[in-house]
N, C-alpha and C. Protein backbone atom coordinates (compact mmCIF):
# COMPACT_ATOMS: atom_id res chain seq x y z
N MET A 1 55.04 172.16 132.61
CA MET A 1 53.83 171.70 131.98
C MET A 1 52.63 172.05 132.97
N LYS A 2 51.64 172.59 132.24
CA LYS A 2 50.53 172.96 132.91
C LYS A 2 49.43 172.15 132.37
N VAL A 3 48.68 171.17 133.18
CA VAL A 3 47.56 170.42 132.78
C VAL A 3 46.28 170.73 133.20
N ILE A 4 45.21 171.15 132.10
CA ILE A 4 43.84 171.58 132.52
C ILE A 4 42.95 170.31 132.16
N VAL A 5 42.18 169.80 133.30
CA VAL A 5 41.25 168.84 132.88
C VAL A 5 39.90 169.49 133.07
N GLU A 6 39.13 169.48 132.04
CA GLU A 6 37.80 169.94 132.03
C GLU A 6 36.81 168.91 131.94
N LYS A 7 35.38 169.08 132.11
CA LYS A 7 34.34 167.98 132.25
C LYS A 7 34.18 167.46 130.83
N ASP A 8 34.01 168.18 129.85
CA ASP A 8 33.90 167.49 128.60
C ASP A 8 34.35 168.58 127.42
N PHE A 9 34.07 168.04 126.10
CA PHE A 9 34.38 168.66 125.12
C PHE A 9 34.24 170.07 125.08
N GLU A 10 32.84 170.64 125.40
CA GLU A 10 32.48 171.89 125.39
C GLU A 10 33.30 172.54 126.31
N ALA A 11 33.59 172.23 127.56
CA ALA A 11 34.23 173.03 128.71
C ALA A 11 35.79 173.18 127.87
N MET A 12 36.21 172.10 127.56
CA MET A 12 37.67 172.28 127.17
C MET A 12 37.70 173.35 125.77
N SER A 13 36.72 173.20 124.89
CA SER A 13 36.90 174.19 123.83
C SER A 13 36.65 175.49 124.45
N GLU A 14 35.86 175.72 125.40
CA GLU A 14 35.94 177.20 125.90
C GLU A 14 37.13 177.65 126.62
N THR A 15 37.81 176.71 127.28
CA THR A 15 39.02 177.13 127.99
C THR A 15 40.09 177.46 126.87
N THR A 16 40.10 176.51 125.68
CA THR A 16 40.97 176.91 124.48
C THR A 16 40.88 178.15 123.93
N LYS A 17 39.69 178.58 123.78
CA LYS A 17 39.35 179.69 123.24
C LYS A 17 39.83 180.80 124.01
N ASN A 18 39.55 180.88 125.35
CA ASN A 18 39.93 181.87 126.09
C ASN A 18 41.58 182.02 126.22
N ILE A 19 42.37 180.92 126.07
CA ILE A 19 43.56 181.02 126.05
C ILE A 19 44.30 181.76 124.79
N LEU A 20 43.56 181.07 123.51
CA LEU A 20 44.12 181.67 122.22
C LEU A 20 43.69 183.41 122.23
N LEU A 21 42.39 183.65 122.73
CA LEU A 21 42.30 184.87 122.71
C LEU A 21 42.95 185.98 123.77
N GLY A 22 43.56 185.35 124.68
CA GLY A 22 44.56 186.06 125.56
C GLY A 22 45.56 186.26 124.81
N HIS A 23 46.18 185.45 123.73
CA HIS A 23 47.34 185.89 123.08
C HIS A 23 46.85 186.99 121.78
N MET A 24 45.73 186.69 121.47
CA MET A 24 45.14 187.69 120.40
C MET A 24 45.00 189.11 120.69
N ASN A 25 44.73 189.37 121.96
CA ASN A 25 44.23 190.41 122.46
C ASN A 25 45.46 191.17 122.79
N GLN A 26 46.42 191.44 122.17
CA GLN A 26 47.73 192.25 122.59
C GLN A 26 47.90 193.26 121.47
N ASP A 27 48.48 194.38 121.87
CA ASP A 27 48.74 195.39 121.11
C ASP A 27 50.07 195.37 120.12
N LYS A 28 50.05 194.21 119.48
CA LYS A 28 51.22 194.03 118.73
C LYS A 28 51.09 192.91 117.82
N ARG A 29 51.91 192.64 116.83
CA ARG A 29 51.59 191.49 115.88
C ARG A 29 51.68 190.23 116.66
N VAL A 30 50.77 189.20 116.35
CA VAL A 30 50.74 188.15 117.15
C VAL A 30 50.54 187.00 116.08
N ASN A 31 51.60 186.00 116.19
CA ASN A 31 51.63 184.87 115.24
C ASN A 31 51.34 183.78 115.93
N LEU A 32 50.23 182.95 115.25
CA LEU A 32 49.60 181.75 115.68
C LEU A 32 49.68 180.68 114.71
N SER A 33 49.82 179.45 115.20
CA SER A 33 49.74 178.26 114.29
C SER A 33 48.72 177.35 114.91
N ILE A 34 47.68 176.87 114.07
CA ILE A 34 46.69 176.45 114.45
C ILE A 34 46.49 175.16 113.78
N THR A 35 45.74 174.19 114.35
CA THR A 35 45.46 172.69 113.85
C THR A 35 44.20 172.60 113.17
N ALA A 36 44.24 171.79 112.23
CA ALA A 36 43.05 171.00 111.62
C ALA A 36 42.54 169.98 112.37
N GLY A 37 41.35 169.25 111.59
CA GLY A 37 41.01 168.02 112.43
C GLY A 37 39.65 168.34 113.17
N ASN A 38 39.28 167.45 113.80
CA ASN A 38 38.11 167.44 114.53
C ASN A 38 38.13 167.98 116.03
N THR A 39 39.15 167.92 116.56
CA THR A 39 39.36 168.29 117.97
C THR A 39 39.16 169.78 118.29
N PRO A 40 39.68 170.58 117.19
CA PRO A 40 39.31 172.14 117.45
C PRO A 40 38.07 172.76 116.88
N VAL A 41 37.04 171.84 116.40
CA VAL A 41 35.92 172.36 115.81
C VAL A 41 35.21 173.17 116.69
N GLY A 42 34.91 172.70 118.17
CA GLY A 42 34.24 173.62 119.06
C GLY A 42 35.15 175.02 119.34
N VAL A 43 36.37 174.99 119.46
CA VAL A 43 37.28 176.01 119.51
C VAL A 43 36.97 177.17 118.49
N TYR A 44 37.05 176.63 117.39
CA TYR A 44 36.95 177.70 116.17
C TYR A 44 35.58 178.16 116.11
N LYS A 45 34.40 177.38 116.35
CA LYS A 45 33.13 177.75 116.22
C LYS A 45 33.01 179.12 117.22
N LYS A 46 33.56 178.86 118.52
CA LYS A 46 33.28 179.93 119.39
C LYS A 46 34.16 181.14 119.03
N MET A 47 35.37 180.90 118.46
CA MET A 47 36.20 182.14 118.15
C MET A 47 35.73 182.81 116.98
N VAL A 48 34.97 182.03 115.99
CA VAL A 48 34.55 182.94 114.82
C VAL A 48 33.38 183.89 115.50
N GLU A 49 32.45 183.50 116.36
CA GLU A 49 31.70 184.45 116.97
C GLU A 49 32.21 185.65 117.45
N ILE A 50 33.58 185.85 117.85
CA ILE A 50 34.04 187.06 118.44
C ILE A 50 34.98 187.58 117.38
N VAL A 51 35.82 186.83 116.59
CA VAL A 51 36.71 187.37 115.77
C VAL A 51 36.02 187.90 114.32
N LYS A 52 35.10 187.33 113.85
CA LYS A 52 34.53 187.79 112.62
C LYS A 52 34.38 189.22 112.57
N ASP A 53 34.99 189.50 111.45
CA ASP A 53 34.71 191.28 111.15
C ASP A 53 35.18 192.35 112.24
N SER A 54 35.84 191.67 113.17
CA SER A 54 36.35 192.36 114.42
C SER A 54 37.74 193.13 113.96
N PRO A 55 37.60 194.59 114.11
CA PRO A 55 38.80 195.28 113.89
C PRO A 55 39.84 194.98 114.89
N ASN A 56 39.36 194.18 115.98
CA ASN A 56 40.26 194.24 117.24
C ASN A 56 41.45 192.96 116.91
N TYR A 57 41.47 192.22 116.03
CA TYR A 57 42.18 191.13 115.73
C TYR A 57 43.01 191.14 114.27
N THR A 58 43.00 192.29 113.77
CA THR A 58 43.79 192.45 112.50
C THR A 58 45.23 192.26 112.61
N ASN A 59 45.65 192.12 113.89
CA ASN A 59 47.02 192.16 114.30
C ASN A 59 47.57 190.52 114.21
N VAL A 60 46.61 189.59 114.08
CA VAL A 60 46.62 188.30 114.13
C VAL A 60 47.14 187.69 112.80
N HIS A 61 48.27 187.02 112.93
CA HIS A 61 48.73 186.24 111.66
C HIS A 61 48.76 184.79 111.93
N TYR A 62 48.36 184.10 110.84
CA TYR A 62 48.02 182.53 111.06
C TYR A 62 48.90 181.84 109.95
N TYR A 63 49.47 180.50 110.52
CA TYR A 63 50.42 179.87 110.03
C TYR A 63 49.94 178.27 110.17
N ASN A 64 49.92 177.53 109.17
CA ASN A 64 49.68 176.08 109.21
C ASN A 64 51.09 175.33 109.66
N PHE A 65 51.00 174.40 110.48
CA PHE A 65 52.42 173.84 110.73
C PHE A 65 52.50 172.48 109.82
N ASP A 66 51.85 172.08 109.12
CA ASP A 66 52.12 170.94 108.15
C ASP A 66 51.02 171.03 107.00
N GLU A 67 51.51 170.14 105.89
CA GLU A 67 50.76 170.14 104.69
C GLU A 67 50.83 169.14 103.89
N ILE A 68 49.72 168.72 103.37
CA ILE A 68 49.86 167.31 102.40
C ILE A 68 49.22 167.95 100.98
N PRO A 69 50.04 167.87 100.09
CA PRO A 69 49.43 168.45 98.75
C PRO A 69 48.55 167.48 98.09
N VAL A 70 47.55 168.08 97.33
CA VAL A 70 46.58 167.24 96.65
C VAL A 70 46.56 167.49 95.29
N ALA A 71 47.04 166.43 94.23
CA ALA A 71 47.17 166.45 92.85
C ALA A 71 45.88 167.31 92.33
N GLY A 72 46.23 168.42 91.45
CA GLY A 72 45.11 169.14 90.96
C GLY A 72 44.54 170.11 91.57
N GLN A 73 45.06 170.15 92.79
CA GLN A 73 44.38 171.45 93.76
C GLN A 73 45.36 172.45 94.02
N ASN A 74 44.90 173.59 94.11
CA ASN A 74 45.87 174.79 94.40
C ASN A 74 46.56 174.77 95.71
N GLU A 75 45.65 174.26 96.61
CA GLU A 75 46.19 174.15 98.04
C GLU A 75 45.97 172.78 98.76
N GLY A 76 46.80 172.39 99.77
CA GLY A 76 46.76 171.27 100.36
C GLY A 76 45.71 170.99 101.34
N ILE A 77 45.72 169.61 101.96
CA ILE A 77 44.71 169.37 102.82
C ILE A 77 44.57 170.14 104.10
N THR A 78 45.70 170.53 104.63
CA THR A 78 45.55 171.09 105.89
C THR A 78 45.00 172.60 105.70
N ILE A 79 45.62 173.46 104.97
CA ILE A 79 45.08 174.76 104.86
C ILE A 79 43.63 174.95 104.34
N THR A 80 43.33 173.96 103.42
CA THR A 80 41.85 173.72 102.91
C THR A 80 40.93 173.76 104.19
N ASP A 81 41.35 172.58 105.08
CA ASP A 81 40.59 172.48 106.15
C ASP A 81 40.67 173.54 107.14
N LEU A 82 41.72 174.38 107.48
CA LEU A 82 41.75 175.53 108.23
C LEU A 82 40.70 176.62 107.56
N ARG A 83 40.82 176.71 106.27
CA ARG A 83 39.83 177.76 105.69
C ARG A 83 38.46 177.55 105.87
N LYS A 84 38.19 176.29 105.91
CA LYS A 84 36.79 175.90 105.89
C LYS A 84 36.30 175.85 107.49
N LEU A 85 37.22 175.40 108.30
CA LEU A 85 36.82 175.55 109.89
C LEU A 85 36.92 176.89 110.37
N TYR A 86 37.68 177.64 110.11
CA TYR A 86 38.03 178.96 110.77
C TYR A 86 38.11 180.19 109.95
N LEU A 87 39.33 180.12 109.02
CA LEU A 87 39.68 181.17 108.35
C LEU A 87 38.74 182.06 107.54
N ASN A 88 37.99 181.23 106.70
CA ASN A 88 36.84 181.65 106.07
C ASN A 88 35.58 182.12 106.82
N PRO A 89 35.08 181.35 107.68
CA PRO A 89 34.12 181.90 108.64
C PRO A 89 34.35 182.99 109.23
N ALA A 90 35.58 183.18 109.86
CA ALA A 90 36.06 184.41 110.52
C ALA A 90 36.42 185.59 109.66
N ASN A 91 36.29 185.27 108.23
CA ASN A 91 36.65 186.44 107.23
C ASN A 91 38.16 186.96 107.73
N ILE A 92 38.84 186.17 107.67
CA ILE A 92 40.37 186.47 107.93
C ILE A 92 41.04 187.05 106.47
N HIS A 93 41.67 188.14 106.75
CA HIS A 93 42.27 188.66 105.68
C HIS A 93 43.55 187.67 104.84
N GLU A 94 43.39 187.65 103.56
CA GLU A 94 44.39 186.85 103.08
C GLU A 94 45.80 187.34 103.36
N ALA A 95 45.98 188.28 103.71
CA ALA A 95 47.31 189.09 103.98
C ALA A 95 47.80 188.67 105.32
N ASN A 96 46.90 187.96 106.26
CA ASN A 96 47.13 187.66 107.55
C ASN A 96 47.29 186.03 107.36
N ILE A 97 47.30 185.36 106.38
CA ILE A 97 47.47 183.93 106.33
C ILE A 97 48.77 183.63 105.71
N HIS A 98 49.61 182.69 106.09
CA HIS A 98 50.76 182.40 105.57
C HIS A 98 51.19 180.89 105.43
N PRO A 99 50.54 180.48 104.25
CA PRO A 99 50.70 179.03 104.10
C PRO A 99 51.90 178.30 104.29
N LEU A 100 52.19 177.24 104.69
CA LEU A 100 53.39 176.41 104.69
C LEU A 100 53.07 175.31 103.39
N THR A 101 53.94 175.24 102.55
CA THR A 101 53.67 174.16 101.49
C THR A 101 54.99 173.55 101.07
N VAL A 102 54.76 172.47 100.00
CA VAL A 102 56.04 171.81 99.92
C VAL A 102 56.91 172.54 98.93
N GLU A 103 56.44 173.70 98.69
CA GLU A 103 57.26 174.57 97.65
C GLU A 103 58.16 175.53 98.59
N ASN A 104 57.59 175.78 99.75
CA ASN A 104 58.39 176.83 100.57
C ASN A 104 58.70 176.13 101.86
N TYR A 105 58.50 174.85 102.01
CA TYR A 105 59.04 174.40 103.45
C TYR A 105 60.35 174.78 103.89
N ALA A 106 61.46 174.84 103.10
CA ALA A 106 62.81 174.91 103.54
C ALA A 106 63.08 176.24 103.96
N GLU A 107 61.98 177.28 103.68
CA GLU A 107 62.17 178.81 104.19
C GLU A 107 61.42 178.87 105.28
N GLN A 108 60.79 177.79 105.90
CA GLN A 108 59.80 178.19 107.14
C GLN A 108 60.16 178.59 108.10
N ASP A 109 61.43 178.03 108.63
CA ASP A 109 61.91 178.41 109.94
C ASP A 109 62.53 179.84 109.81
N LYS A 110 63.23 180.15 108.70
CA LYS A 110 63.84 181.53 108.44
C LYS A 110 62.67 182.60 108.47
N ARG A 111 61.61 182.14 107.76
CA ARG A 111 60.33 183.15 107.57
C ARG A 111 59.85 183.34 108.76
N LEU A 112 59.74 182.26 109.73
CA LEU A 112 59.09 182.50 111.15
C LEU A 112 59.84 183.41 111.75
N ALA A 113 61.30 183.08 111.88
CA ALA A 113 62.22 184.07 112.68
C ALA A 113 62.02 185.46 112.38
N MET A 114 62.09 185.63 110.87
CA MET A 114 61.85 187.16 110.59
C MET A 114 60.55 187.91 111.00
N ASP A 115 59.56 186.94 110.97
CA ASP A 115 58.31 187.39 111.39
C ASP A 115 58.16 187.57 112.87
N GLY A 116 59.07 187.32 113.75
CA GLY A 116 59.07 187.54 115.14
C GLY A 116 59.07 186.16 115.95
N GLY A 117 58.75 185.09 115.19
CA GLY A 117 58.50 183.76 115.87
C GLY A 117 57.11 183.43 116.35
N LEU A 118 56.82 182.27 116.56
CA LEU A 118 55.24 181.90 116.64
C LEU A 118 55.09 182.14 118.30
N ASP A 119 53.90 182.86 118.43
CA ASP A 119 53.52 183.27 119.94
C ASP A 119 53.06 182.11 120.38
N ALA A 120 52.12 181.58 119.68
CA ALA A 120 51.47 180.18 120.15
C ALA A 120 51.07 179.49 119.05
N MET A 121 51.03 177.95 119.32
CA MET A 121 50.75 176.88 118.51
C MET A 121 49.67 175.95 119.13
N LEU A 122 48.61 175.78 118.59
CA LEU A 122 47.44 174.90 118.91
C LEU A 122 47.58 173.52 118.25
N ILE A 123 48.01 172.57 118.85
CA ILE A 123 48.05 171.19 118.35
C ILE A 123 47.26 170.04 119.00
N GLY A 124 47.04 169.11 118.11
CA GLY A 124 46.34 168.08 118.77
C GLY A 124 47.32 166.88 119.01
N LEU A 125 46.70 165.61 119.22
CA LEU A 125 47.61 164.19 119.43
C LEU A 125 46.96 163.31 118.57
N GLY A 126 47.91 162.42 118.05
CA GLY A 126 47.53 161.71 117.05
C GLY A 126 47.50 160.10 117.86
N GLY A 127 46.49 159.38 117.88
CA GLY A 127 46.39 158.04 118.62
C GLY A 127 47.65 157.29 118.48
N ASP A 128 48.57 157.57 117.42
CA ASP A 128 49.82 156.81 117.72
C ASP A 128 50.96 157.70 118.22
N GLY A 129 50.55 158.72 118.70
CA GLY A 129 51.52 159.60 119.40
C GLY A 129 52.14 160.61 118.55
N HIS A 130 51.60 160.82 117.35
CA HIS A 130 52.31 161.93 116.44
C HIS A 130 51.67 163.32 116.92
N PHE A 131 52.36 164.24 116.51
CA PHE A 131 51.95 165.67 116.67
C PHE A 131 52.47 166.43 115.31
N CYS A 132 51.68 167.40 114.86
CA CYS A 132 51.92 167.78 113.53
C CYS A 132 52.10 166.70 112.57
N GLY A 133 53.14 166.86 111.83
CA GLY A 133 53.34 165.76 110.75
C GLY A 133 54.46 165.00 111.36
N ASN A 134 54.85 164.97 112.61
CA ASN A 134 55.76 164.29 113.00
C ASN A 134 55.42 162.83 113.65
N MET A 135 55.71 162.07 112.59
CA MET A 135 54.90 160.55 112.69
C MET A 135 56.13 159.54 113.18
N PRO A 136 55.52 158.48 113.95
CA PRO A 136 56.55 157.56 114.49
C PRO A 136 57.33 156.94 113.29
N THR A 137 58.50 156.60 113.36
CA THR A 137 59.54 156.09 112.37
C THR A 137 60.11 157.03 111.42
N THR A 138 59.42 158.22 111.18
CA THR A 138 59.89 159.18 110.12
C THR A 138 60.39 160.48 111.20
N THR A 139 60.25 160.51 112.11
CA THR A 139 60.53 161.84 113.07
C THR A 139 61.75 161.54 113.87
N ARG A 140 62.65 162.56 113.79
CA ARG A 140 64.01 162.66 114.40
C ARG A 140 63.95 163.99 115.19
N PHE A 141 64.42 163.68 116.49
CA PHE A 141 63.96 164.99 117.34
C PHE A 141 65.02 166.22 117.06
N GLU A 142 65.78 166.03 116.01
CA GLU A 142 66.80 167.21 115.70
C GLU A 142 66.30 167.99 114.40
N ASN A 143 65.05 167.64 113.83
CA ASN A 143 64.46 167.84 112.75
C ASN A 143 63.91 169.39 112.98
N LEU A 144 64.24 170.23 111.88
CA LEU A 144 63.71 171.52 111.83
C LEU A 144 62.32 171.27 111.03
N THR A 145 61.80 172.36 109.94
CA THR A 145 60.78 171.88 109.10
C THR A 145 61.46 171.05 107.93
N TYR A 146 60.82 169.85 107.72
CA TYR A 146 61.20 169.06 106.90
C TYR A 146 60.11 168.40 105.88
N LYS A 147 60.61 167.38 105.00
CA LYS A 147 59.59 166.90 103.98
C LYS A 147 59.93 165.43 104.12
N VAL A 148 58.65 164.70 104.23
CA VAL A 148 58.60 163.21 104.22
C VAL A 148 58.13 162.84 102.96
N LYS A 149 58.89 161.61 102.42
CA LYS A 149 58.37 160.77 101.32
C LYS A 149 57.90 159.43 101.75
N VAL A 150 56.60 159.28 101.66
CA VAL A 150 55.93 158.01 102.19
C VAL A 150 56.52 156.82 101.35
N SER A 151 56.88 155.88 101.98
CA SER A 151 57.49 154.60 101.41
C SER A 151 56.26 153.37 101.10
N GLY A 152 55.34 153.84 102.14
CA GLY A 152 54.33 152.48 102.43
C GLY A 152 54.50 151.34 103.27
N GLU A 153 55.56 151.51 103.79
CA GLU A 153 56.13 150.59 104.99
C GLU A 153 56.01 151.05 106.15
N GLU A 154 55.60 152.31 106.30
CA GLU A 154 55.36 152.97 107.69
C GLU A 154 54.29 152.42 108.37
N PRO A 155 54.37 152.34 109.83
CA PRO A 155 53.19 151.72 110.44
C PRO A 155 51.69 152.37 110.28
N TRP A 156 52.01 153.65 110.04
CA TRP A 156 50.62 154.50 109.97
C TRP A 156 50.25 154.61 108.64
N PHE A 157 50.77 154.11 107.65
CA PHE A 157 50.31 154.23 106.18
C PHE A 157 48.90 153.37 106.13
N VAL A 158 48.22 153.92 105.56
CA VAL A 158 46.79 153.47 105.62
C VAL A 158 46.47 153.40 103.77
N PRO A 159 46.65 152.13 103.14
CA PRO A 159 46.19 151.81 101.74
C PRO A 159 44.86 152.36 101.52
N GLY A 160 44.64 153.19 100.46
CA GLY A 160 43.34 153.62 100.16
C GLY A 160 43.24 154.98 100.63
N GLU A 161 43.75 155.44 101.67
CA GLU A 161 43.84 156.77 102.02
C GLU A 161 45.07 157.57 101.70
N MET A 162 46.20 156.73 101.57
CA MET A 162 47.52 157.35 101.29
C MET A 162 48.07 156.64 100.05
N GLU A 163 49.06 157.27 99.33
CA GLU A 163 49.61 156.60 98.36
C GLU A 163 51.15 156.55 98.43
N LYS A 164 51.61 155.26 97.93
CA LYS A 164 52.98 155.11 98.14
C LYS A 164 53.65 156.47 97.35
N GLY A 165 54.73 156.92 97.90
CA GLY A 165 55.49 158.05 97.11
C GLY A 165 55.05 159.42 97.42
N MET A 166 53.85 159.40 98.05
CA MET A 166 53.37 160.72 98.17
C MET A 166 54.33 161.62 99.20
N GLU A 167 54.21 163.00 99.30
CA GLU A 167 55.08 163.62 100.16
C GLU A 167 54.25 164.63 100.90
N PHE A 168 54.77 164.85 102.21
CA PHE A 168 54.09 165.98 102.99
C PHE A 168 55.30 166.74 103.81
N VAL A 169 54.65 167.78 104.16
CA VAL A 169 55.86 168.51 105.02
C VAL A 169 55.32 168.98 106.32
N THR A 170 56.19 169.18 107.41
CA THR A 170 55.88 169.54 108.64
C THR A 170 56.87 170.13 109.34
N MET A 171 56.41 171.11 110.37
CA MET A 171 57.42 171.61 111.17
C MET A 171 57.99 170.75 112.28
N GLY A 172 59.13 170.33 112.16
CA GLY A 172 59.89 169.43 113.02
C GLY A 172 59.85 169.74 114.43
N PRO A 173 60.31 168.81 115.30
CA PRO A 173 60.36 168.82 116.92
C PRO A 173 61.21 170.27 117.19
N VAL A 174 62.43 170.71 116.53
CA VAL A 174 63.00 171.68 116.95
C VAL A 174 62.47 172.99 116.67
N SER A 175 61.69 173.03 115.49
CA SER A 175 60.83 174.06 115.14
C SER A 175 59.76 174.37 115.92
N VAL A 176 59.05 173.39 116.56
CA VAL A 176 57.93 173.44 117.13
C VAL A 176 58.32 173.74 118.61
N MET A 177 59.49 173.24 119.28
CA MET A 177 59.96 173.90 120.65
C MET A 177 60.47 175.16 120.64
N ARG A 178 60.54 175.83 119.42
CA ARG A 178 60.78 177.32 119.48
C ARG A 178 59.71 178.16 119.70
N VAL A 179 58.53 177.62 119.71
CA VAL A 179 57.20 178.28 119.78
C VAL A 179 57.09 178.86 121.20
N LYS A 180 56.72 180.01 121.63
CA LYS A 180 56.68 180.59 122.83
C LYS A 180 55.74 179.97 123.73
N HIS A 181 54.64 179.38 123.09
CA HIS A 181 53.46 178.86 124.17
C HIS A 181 53.03 177.60 123.20
N LEU A 182 53.06 176.39 123.73
CA LEU A 182 52.28 175.29 123.02
C LEU A 182 51.03 174.92 123.95
N ILE A 183 50.09 174.96 123.02
CA ILE A 183 48.63 174.58 123.49
C ILE A 183 48.49 172.98 123.11
N LEU A 184 48.19 171.93 123.81
CA LEU A 184 47.86 170.87 123.28
C LEU A 184 46.52 170.44 123.82
N ILE A 185 45.65 170.09 122.85
CA ILE A 185 44.15 169.65 123.26
C ILE A 185 43.84 168.35 122.71
N VAL A 186 43.39 167.57 123.60
CA VAL A 186 42.87 166.05 123.30
C VAL A 186 41.81 165.74 124.04
N ASN A 187 40.80 165.04 123.42
CA ASN A 187 39.52 164.63 123.99
C ASN A 187 39.42 163.28 123.65
N GLY A 188 38.44 162.61 124.55
CA GLY A 188 38.06 161.12 124.22
C GLY A 188 38.93 160.11 125.09
N GLU A 189 38.27 159.01 125.41
CA GLU A 189 38.92 157.96 126.09
C GLU A 189 39.95 157.18 125.07
N LYS A 190 39.61 157.19 123.93
CA LYS A 190 40.25 156.35 122.99
C LYS A 190 41.81 156.88 122.95
N LYS A 191 42.03 158.05 123.19
CA LYS A 191 43.42 158.62 123.37
C LYS A 191 44.00 158.70 124.71
N ALA A 192 43.31 158.13 125.65
CA ALA A 192 43.67 158.21 127.19
C ALA A 192 44.97 157.54 127.31
N GLU A 193 45.21 156.36 126.74
CA GLU A 193 46.64 155.66 127.01
C GLU A 193 47.61 156.38 126.37
N MET A 194 47.44 157.03 125.18
CA MET A 194 48.50 157.67 124.59
C MET A 194 48.80 158.91 125.17
N VAL A 195 47.95 159.53 125.87
CA VAL A 195 48.03 160.81 126.66
C VAL A 195 49.10 160.35 127.93
N LYS A 196 48.95 159.41 128.56
CA LYS A 196 49.84 158.92 129.55
C LYS A 196 50.99 158.59 129.08
N HIS A 197 51.07 157.93 127.85
CA HIS A 197 52.49 157.69 127.30
C HIS A 197 53.35 159.16 127.10
N VAL A 198 52.56 159.93 126.60
CA VAL A 198 53.22 161.18 125.98
C VAL A 198 53.53 162.19 127.22
N LEU A 199 52.73 162.23 128.05
CA LEU A 199 52.90 163.14 129.21
C LEU A 199 53.73 162.62 130.55
N GLN A 200 53.48 161.57 130.68
CA GLN A 200 54.15 160.76 131.96
C GLN A 200 55.13 159.75 131.60
N GLY A 201 55.38 159.30 130.55
CA GLY A 201 56.21 158.18 129.87
C GLY A 201 57.56 158.82 129.53
N SER A 202 58.55 157.86 129.03
CA SER A 202 59.84 158.45 128.64
C SER A 202 59.70 159.11 127.39
N VAL A 203 60.72 160.23 127.36
CA VAL A 203 60.84 161.04 125.80
C VAL A 203 61.42 159.97 124.90
N THR A 204 60.69 159.70 124.08
CA THR A 204 61.12 158.81 122.82
C THR A 204 60.53 159.10 121.63
N GLU A 205 61.52 158.57 120.40
CA GLU A 205 60.89 158.94 119.13
C GLU A 205 59.79 157.86 118.85
N LYS A 206 59.60 156.87 119.60
CA LYS A 206 58.65 155.86 119.44
C LYS A 206 57.18 156.60 119.40
N TYR A 207 57.03 157.55 120.36
CA TYR A 207 56.04 158.58 120.46
C TYR A 207 56.38 159.90 120.49
N PRO A 208 56.55 160.31 119.16
CA PRO A 208 57.18 161.75 118.93
C PRO A 208 56.55 162.71 119.88
N ALA A 209 55.46 162.85 120.32
CA ALA A 209 54.82 163.93 120.99
C ALA A 209 55.21 164.07 122.34
N SER A 210 56.17 162.93 122.82
CA SER A 210 56.58 162.73 124.13
C SER A 210 57.68 163.95 124.37
N ILE A 211 58.23 164.34 123.22
CA ILE A 211 59.26 165.50 123.35
C ILE A 211 58.55 166.68 124.03
N LEU A 212 57.20 166.97 123.80
CA LEU A 212 56.75 168.26 124.23
C LEU A 212 56.53 168.34 125.94
N GLN A 213 57.02 167.25 126.60
CA GLN A 213 57.17 167.59 127.95
C GLN A 213 58.28 168.39 128.27
N LEU A 214 59.28 168.54 127.49
CA LEU A 214 60.51 169.12 127.81
C LEU A 214 60.20 170.79 127.47
N HIS A 215 59.18 171.06 126.69
CA HIS A 215 59.02 172.45 126.38
C HIS A 215 58.65 173.42 127.68
N PRO A 216 59.25 174.43 127.80
CA PRO A 216 59.13 175.44 128.87
C PRO A 216 57.71 175.97 129.32
N ASN A 217 57.00 175.90 128.19
CA ASN A 217 55.67 176.51 128.54
C ASN A 217 54.51 175.87 127.61
N LEU A 218 54.21 174.62 128.22
CA LEU A 218 53.45 173.82 127.60
C LEU A 218 51.81 173.75 128.39
N THR A 219 51.02 173.99 127.76
CA THR A 219 49.36 173.94 128.37
C THR A 219 48.67 172.72 127.77
N VAL A 220 48.33 171.93 128.45
CA VAL A 220 47.66 170.70 127.88
C VAL A 220 46.11 170.73 128.69
N ILE A 221 45.42 170.58 127.56
CA ILE A 221 43.92 170.77 127.95
C ILE A 221 43.06 169.46 127.53
N LEU A 222 42.55 168.73 128.43
CA LEU A 222 41.97 167.62 128.34
C LEU A 222 40.60 167.49 128.82
N ASP A 223 39.80 166.70 128.10
CA ASP A 223 38.47 166.27 128.94
C ASP A 223 38.74 165.37 129.78
N GLU A 224 37.91 164.86 130.66
CA GLU A 224 37.90 163.99 131.81
C GLU A 224 38.25 162.47 131.19
N GLU A 225 37.68 162.19 129.97
CA GLU A 225 37.89 160.97 129.33
C GLU A 225 39.58 160.85 128.86
N ALA A 226 39.80 161.88 128.30
CA ALA A 226 41.39 161.71 127.93
C ALA A 226 42.29 161.78 129.05
N ALA A 227 41.97 162.25 130.13
CA ALA A 227 42.89 162.37 131.32
C ALA A 227 42.67 161.15 132.17
N SER A 228 41.51 160.13 131.75
CA SER A 228 41.48 159.13 132.68
C SER A 228 42.52 158.26 133.17
N LYS A 229 43.48 158.16 132.37
CA LYS A 229 44.56 157.10 132.57
C LYS A 229 45.66 157.73 133.36
N LEU A 230 45.82 158.94 133.59
CA LEU A 230 47.24 159.73 134.10
C LEU A 230 47.13 159.41 135.60
N ASP A 231 48.40 159.26 135.99
CA ASP A 231 48.52 158.89 137.42
C ASP A 231 48.13 160.07 138.31
N ARG A 232 48.52 161.06 137.70
CA ARG A 232 48.08 162.56 138.41
C ARG A 232 47.95 163.79 137.56
N TYR A 233 47.68 164.78 137.68
CA TYR A 233 47.48 166.05 136.85
C TYR A 233 48.75 166.64 137.26
N VAL A 234 49.64 167.00 136.33
CA VAL A 234 50.67 167.72 136.50
C VAL A 234 50.48 169.04 136.64
């Protein structure tokens, strides 16, 4: 595990951008899985300035690692957000976008293997210790890509934002551990305690992201606030 602590959100976004571009600037097909949400916004803004309409990055293919379908919409929440944040602004060709859906999730691991595997995955950390769609109480460390049906009894269930019976799909811990390079980015003091649990606590399904400690090529990029409760920088 390599832990990089930057002064602030801007600095951590710059570092993350440089690491991703290091993968992308290869003379071969590069497969990336990237995260939606607020944490990577700065990363994608910087990347768009470089990648947009550039012939140097046509070798890069993009995959989402989880998906929540929305009734009446052609695409789910994750890929819609990724299109808004990065894929559309960077003018990524549709042929280079490979959505994970509730319809094709059972083939995800085989598809990735046939495509050469994921070279890198950019992921965030949930305040409850989840990563991708691997949530407390529904995650088993032996899972490949799988589907979750929400009962409404889960500790992370939010009435009004979620519906009982809804389904989502996610790459499981086994699938994620097959990625060649994992890049975990976390910012803000509110996640500092969870950063400590995940990086320096025991490996437990109570905090699913704790399994990332075991990955042979994990890079963690934090701002000073997110790193504030670590005993040491690994």
